[in-house]
Structure formats: structure tokens, C-alpha cells
């Protein structure tokens, strides 16, 4: 598998995967076409806040990921949120997620890496813990 920066050529296929991801039990919100379009546009238009990647195997896109960048005053360093990480069903459980997490860890060595996961998504929770992630003891709120 190769990890490539998302480009405009990937828009249609990434949005298709986003629809599937956001309609699944892995995500508690459904998103919207407007959100999907804005997310991809920010990934491909060099936003300082959002990076997008596609995962390619044998010239086929097998998944995508989006990283959001911020600063954590709680931990005193830059923070990279792994916002979306999605693989098509037939490519799950094959170590590709670990490869991407290693890529992010290496690229952002001095940053705090954060992500959200549904507790019921046991395979994902196991994979994240296996890659060094641990739970934080508090609830996150939004407005």
C-alpha cells in the first residue's frame, strides 16, 4: 500500500467512501454532502488545518484519511487529530491502518496524536491501543 496526498482527482471516490463511513456504526454522526465536499476541498486546497490522504494498492484506492492540525495547551505542543481513517471492507485487518499510524507518528514526531473512536468499534479500539493510543478520562463537548 502507498500513502498519497489527496488531490482533486480523488474527490468523487473519497466522497463515496465518506458517505459509507459516516453512515456506518463507526461514526455517531451522518455528515452531509456539504460537509463532505468542504472537507475534501480543504484537503486538496492546501488548508493549514486539514490534510487528506488516499491509500492505494495495485492502482486502486482502498481508503482515505484526514488529519486536522491544532495546538494543545493541555499538553503544551502541536496536536494532530486523526479525523477520518477509513478502509474499504476487504482491506481491513491487514495492517494498512498500522502502516498509516506509523506514517503519521513519524511525520509528526513532536506532536500529540489524538483521535475519536466509538467504544463499540472493538477492532478499531484494539488497533489503536496496539499502536500506543490510550483513553483520556473525560468527555468531549461541542457547540
C-alpha atoms as a PDB file:
ATOM      1  CA  UNK A   1       0.000   0.000   0.000  1.00  0.00           C
ATOM      2  CA  UNK A   2       1.161   3.534  -0.738  1.00  0.00           C
ATOM      3  CA  UNK A   3       0.032   6.669   1.069  1.00  0.00           C
ATOM      4  CA  UNK A   4      -0.592   9.563  -1.307  1.00  0.00           C
ATOM      5  CA  UNK A   5      -1.712  13.146  -0.751  1.00  0.00           C
ATOM      6  CA  UNK A   6      -5.341  13.611  -1.720  1.00  0.00           C
ATOM      7  CA  UNK A   7      -5.852  15.534  -4.984  1.00  0.00           C
ATOM      8  CA  UNK A   8      -8.858  16.833  -6.911  1.00  0.00           C
ATOM      9  CA  UNK A   9      -8.788  13.624  -8.965  1.00  0.00           C
ATOM     10  CA  UNK A  10      -9.735  11.683  -5.829  1.00  0.00           C
ATOM     11  CA  UNK A  11     -12.804  13.811  -4.940  1.00  0.00           C
ATOM     12  CA  UNK A  12     -15.575  11.552  -6.235  1.00  0.00           C
ATOM     13  CA  UNK A  13     -14.157   8.346  -4.788  1.00  0.00           C
ATOM     14  CA  UNK A  14     -13.298   9.899  -1.417  1.00  0.00           C
ATOM     15  CA  UNK A  15     -16.787  11.389  -1.044  1.00  0.00           C
ATOM     16  CA  UNK A  16     -18.258   7.980  -1.884  1.00  0.00           C
ATOM     17  CA  UNK A  17     -16.158   6.410   0.901  1.00  0.00           C
ATOM     18  CA  UNK A  18     -17.125   9.246   3.287  1.00  0.00           C
ATOM     19  CA  UNK A  19     -20.817   8.500   2.691  1.00  0.00           C
ATOM     20  CA  UNK A  20     -20.235   4.869   3.627  1.00  0.00           C
ATOM     21  CA  UNK A  21     -18.037   5.710   6.629  1.00  0.00           C
ATOM     22  CA  UNK A  22     -20.414   8.314   8.073  1.00  0.00           C
ATOM     23  CA  UNK A  23     -23.440   6.033   7.613  1.00  0.00           C
ATOM     24  CA  UNK A  24     -21.697   3.204   9.495  1.00  0.00           C
ATOM     25  CA  UNK A  25     -21.742   2.448  13.233  1.00  0.00           C
ATOM     26  CA  UNK A  26     -18.093   3.623  13.353  1.00  0.00           C
ATOM     27  CA  UNK A  27     -19.287   7.249  13.380  1.00  0.00           C
ATOM     28  CA  UNK A  28     -22.020   8.724  15.572  1.00  0.00           C
ATOM     29  CA  UNK A  29     -22.992  11.483  13.093  1.00  0.00           C
ATOM     30  CA  UNK A  30     -24.146  11.134   9.497  1.00  0.00           C
ATOM     31  CA  UNK A  31     -22.363  14.131   7.985  1.00  0.00           C
ATOM     32  CA  UNK A  32     -23.823  15.744   4.872  1.00  0.00           C
ATOM     33  CA  UNK A  33     -22.938  16.264   1.242  1.00  0.00           C
ATOM     34  CA  UNK A  34     -21.966  19.855   2.057  1.00  0.00           C
ATOM     35  CA  UNK A  35     -19.642  18.731   4.858  1.00  0.00           C
ATOM     36  CA  UNK A  36     -18.071  16.003   2.700  1.00  0.00           C
ATOM     37  CA  UNK A  37     -17.458  18.481  -0.135  1.00  0.00           C
ATOM     38  CA  UNK A  38     -15.979  21.113   2.232  1.00  0.00           C
ATOM     39  CA  UNK A  39     -13.717  18.533   3.883  1.00  0.00           C
ATOM     40  CA  UNK A  40     -12.308  17.299   0.576  1.00  0.00           C
ATOM     41  CA  UNK A  41     -11.902  20.842  -0.778  1.00  0.00           C
ATOM     42  CA  UNK A  42      -9.896  21.801   2.313  1.00  0.00           C
ATOM     43  CA  UNK A  43      -7.738  18.691   1.948  1.00  0.00           C
ATOM     44  CA  UNK A  44      -6.861  19.433  -1.674  1.00  0.00           C
ATOM     45  CA  UNK A  45      -6.564  23.235  -1.407  1.00  0.00           C
ATOM     46  CA  UNK A  46      -3.601  23.350   0.973  1.00  0.00           C
ATOM     47  CA  UNK A  47      -5.558  24.330   4.072  1.00  0.00           C
ATOM     48  CA  UNK A  48      -3.193  24.911   7.009  1.00  0.00           C
ATOM     49  CA  UNK A  49      -5.673  22.979   9.170  1.00  0.00           C
ATOM     50  CA  UNK A  50      -6.538  19.848   7.192  1.00  0.00           C
ATOM     51  CA  UNK A  51      -4.548  17.235   5.240  1.00  0.00           C
ATOM     52  CA  UNK A  52      -6.037  14.439   3.195  1.00  0.00           C
ATOM     53  CA  UNK A  53      -4.517  11.137   2.114  1.00  0.00           C
ATOM     54  CA  UNK A  54      -5.619   8.237  -0.028  1.00  0.00           C
ATOM     55  CA  UNK A  55      -4.372   4.702   0.335  1.00  0.00           C
ATOM     56  CA  UNK A  56      -3.533   2.933  -2.909  1.00  0.00           C
ATOM     57  CA  UNK A  57      -2.908  -0.740  -3.567  1.00  0.00           C
ATOM     58  CA  UNK A  58      -2.436  -2.142  -7.055  1.00  0.00           C
ATOM     59  CA  UNK A  59      -3.573   1.188  -8.553  1.00  0.00           C
ATOM     60  CA  UNK A  60      -6.886   1.102  -6.628  1.00  0.00           C
ATOM     61  CA  UNK A  61      -7.888   3.494  -3.871  1.00  0.00           C
ATOM     62  CA  UNK A  62      -8.589   1.305  -0.858  1.00  0.00           C
ATOM     63  CA  UNK A  63      -9.228   4.025   1.731  1.00  0.00           C
ATOM     64  CA  UNK A  64      -8.615   7.570   2.868  1.00  0.00           C
ATOM     65  CA  UNK A  65      -7.680   9.598   5.929  1.00  0.00           C
ATOM     66  CA  UNK A  66      -7.933  13.202   7.070  1.00  0.00           C
ATOM     67  CA  UNK A  67      -5.722  14.916   9.649  1.00  0.00           C
ATOM     68  CA  UNK A  68      -6.640  18.173  11.395  1.00  0.00           C
ATOM     69  CA  UNK A  69      -3.917  20.280  12.999  1.00  0.00           C
ATOM     70  CA  UNK A  70      -4.138  22.424  16.118  1.00  0.00           C
ATOM     71  CA  UNK A  71      -2.257  23.150  19.343  1.00  0.00           C
ATOM     72  CA  UNK A  72      -2.926  21.509  22.706  1.00  0.00           C
ATOM     73  CA  UNK A  73      -2.424  23.846  25.656  1.00  0.00           C
ATOM     74  CA  UNK A  74      -3.232  20.871  27.885  1.00  0.00           C
ATOM     75  CA  UNK A  75      -0.151  19.019  26.612  1.00  0.00           C
ATOM     76  CA  UNK A  76       1.914  22.050  25.517  1.00  0.00           C
ATOM     77  CA  UNK A  77       2.574  21.029  21.923  1.00  0.00           C
ATOM     78  CA  UNK A  78       1.097  20.799  18.444  1.00  0.00           C
ATOM     79  CA  UNK A  79      -1.800  18.397  18.109  1.00  0.00           C
ATOM     80  CA  UNK A  80      -2.773  16.303  15.103  1.00  0.00           C
ATOM     81  CA  UNK A  81      -6.267  14.872  15.128  1.00  0.00           C
ATOM     82  CA  UNK A  82      -6.795  11.770  13.025  1.00  0.00           C
ATOM     83  CA  UNK A  83     -10.269  12.867  11.984  1.00  0.00           C
ATOM     84  CA  UNK A  84     -11.125  10.143   9.492  1.00  0.00           C
ATOM     85  CA  UNK A  85      -9.384   6.879   8.775  1.00  0.00           C
ATOM     86  CA  UNK A  86     -11.315   4.550   6.513  1.00  0.00           C
ATOM     87  CA  UNK A  87     -10.513   1.391   4.595  1.00  0.00           C
ATOM     88  CA  UNK A  88     -12.865  -0.469   2.283  1.00  0.00           C
ATOM     89  CA  UNK A  89     -14.158  -3.616   3.999  1.00  0.00           C
ATOM     90  CA  UNK A  90     -11.969  -6.089   2.118  1.00  0.00           C
ATOM     91  CA  UNK A  91      -8.799  -4.231   3.189  1.00  0.00           C
ATOM     92  CA  UNK A  92      -9.479  -4.047   6.939  1.00  0.00           C
ATOM     93  CA  UNK A  93      -7.443  -6.090   9.391  1.00  0.00           C
ATOM     94  CA  UNK A  94      -4.464  -6.387   7.047  1.00  0.00           C
ATOM     95  CA  UNK A  95      -2.080  -3.965   8.791  1.00  0.00           C
ATOM     96  CA  UNK A  96      -2.733  -0.996   6.488  1.00  0.00           C
ATOM     97  CA  UNK A  97      -4.096   1.124   9.366  1.00  0.00           C
ATOM     98  CA  UNK A  98      -0.945   0.441  11.374  1.00  0.00           C
ATOM     99  CA  UNK A  99       1.140   1.498   8.384  1.00  0.00           C
ATOM    100  CA  UNK A 100      -0.744   4.811   8.234  1.00  0.00           C
ATOM    101  CA  UNK A 101      -0.484   5.365  12.002  1.00  0.00           C
ATOM    102  CA  UNK A 102       3.288   4.775  11.757  1.00  0.00           C
ATOM    103  CA  UNK A 103       3.430   7.279   8.874  1.00  0.00           C
ATOM    104  CA  UNK A 104       1.616   9.914  10.963  1.00  0.00           C
ATOM    105  CA  UNK A 105       3.750   9.181  14.036  1.00  0.00           C
ATOM    106  CA  UNK A 106       6.940   9.633  12.024  1.00  0.00           C
ATOM    107  CA  UNK A 107       5.743  12.759  10.168  1.00  0.00           C
ATOM    108  CA  UNK A 108       4.553  14.449  13.380  1.00  0.00           C
ATOM    109  CA  UNK A 109       7.183  13.213  15.861  1.00  0.00           C
ATOM    110  CA  UNK A 110       6.861  16.199  18.196  1.00  0.00           C
ATOM    111  CA  UNK A 111       3.060  16.379  18.141  1.00  0.00           C
ATOM    112  CA  UNK A 112       0.330  14.887  20.247  1.00  0.00           C
ATOM    113  CA  UNK A 113      -1.790  12.491  18.163  1.00  0.00           C
ATOM    114  CA  UNK A 114      -5.477  12.300  19.014  1.00  0.00           C
ATOM    115  CA  UNK A 115      -8.496  10.511  17.620  1.00  0.00           C
ATOM    116  CA  UNK A 116     -12.038   9.558  18.493  1.00  0.00           C
ATOM    117  CA  UNK A 117     -13.463   6.075  18.208  1.00  0.00           C
ATOM    118  CA  UNK A 118     -16.841   4.565  19.037  1.00  0.00           C
ATOM    119  CA  UNK A 119     -16.405   2.243  22.030  1.00  0.00           C
ATOM    120  CA  UNK A 120     -18.388  -0.475  20.253  1.00  0.00           C
ATOM    121  CA  UNK A 121     -15.896  -0.489  17.363  1.00  0.00           C
ATOM    122  CA  UNK A 122     -13.755  -3.103  19.090  1.00  0.00           C
ATOM    123  CA  UNK A 123     -11.498  -3.855  16.122  1.00  0.00           C
ATOM    124  CA  UNK A 124     -10.568  -0.177  15.785  1.00  0.00           C
ATOM    125  CA  UNK A 125     -10.110   0.274  19.538  1.00  0.00           C
ATOM    126  CA  UNK A 126      -7.808  -2.769  19.606  1.00  0.00           C
ATOM    127  CA  UNK A 127      -5.803  -1.468  16.631  1.00  0.00           C
ATOM    128  CA  UNK A 128      -5.378   1.983  18.174  1.00  0.00           C
ATOM    129  CA  UNK A 129      -4.336   0.615  21.565  1.00  0.00           C
ATOM    130  CA  UNK A 130      -1.904  -1.766  19.856  1.00  0.00           C
ATOM    131  CA  UNK A 131      -0.365   1.319  18.217  1.00  0.00           C
ATOM    132  CA  UNK A 132       0.166   3.156  21.504  1.00  0.00           C
ATOM    133  CA  UNK A 133      -3.056   5.150  21.889  1.00  0.00           C
ATOM    134  CA  UNK A 134      -4.702   5.306  25.317  1.00  0.00           C
ATOM    135  CA  UNK A 135      -8.022   6.635  26.561  1.00  0.00           C
ATOM    136  CA  UNK A 136      -8.401  10.052  28.106  1.00  0.00           C
ATOM    137  CA  UNK A 137     -10.513  10.226  31.262  1.00  0.00           C
ATOM    138  CA  UNK A 138     -13.011  12.873  30.159  1.00  0.00           C
ATOM    139  CA  UNK A 139     -15.894  13.646  27.899  1.00  0.00           C
ATOM    140  CA  UNK A 140     -15.535  15.904  24.870  1.00  0.00           C
ATOM    141  CA  UNK A 141     -18.220  18.521  24.238  1.00  0.00           C
ATOM    142  CA  UNK A 142     -19.105  20.568  21.159  1.00  0.00           C
ATOM    143  CA  UNK A 143     -21.224  23.586  20.288  1.00  0.00           C
END
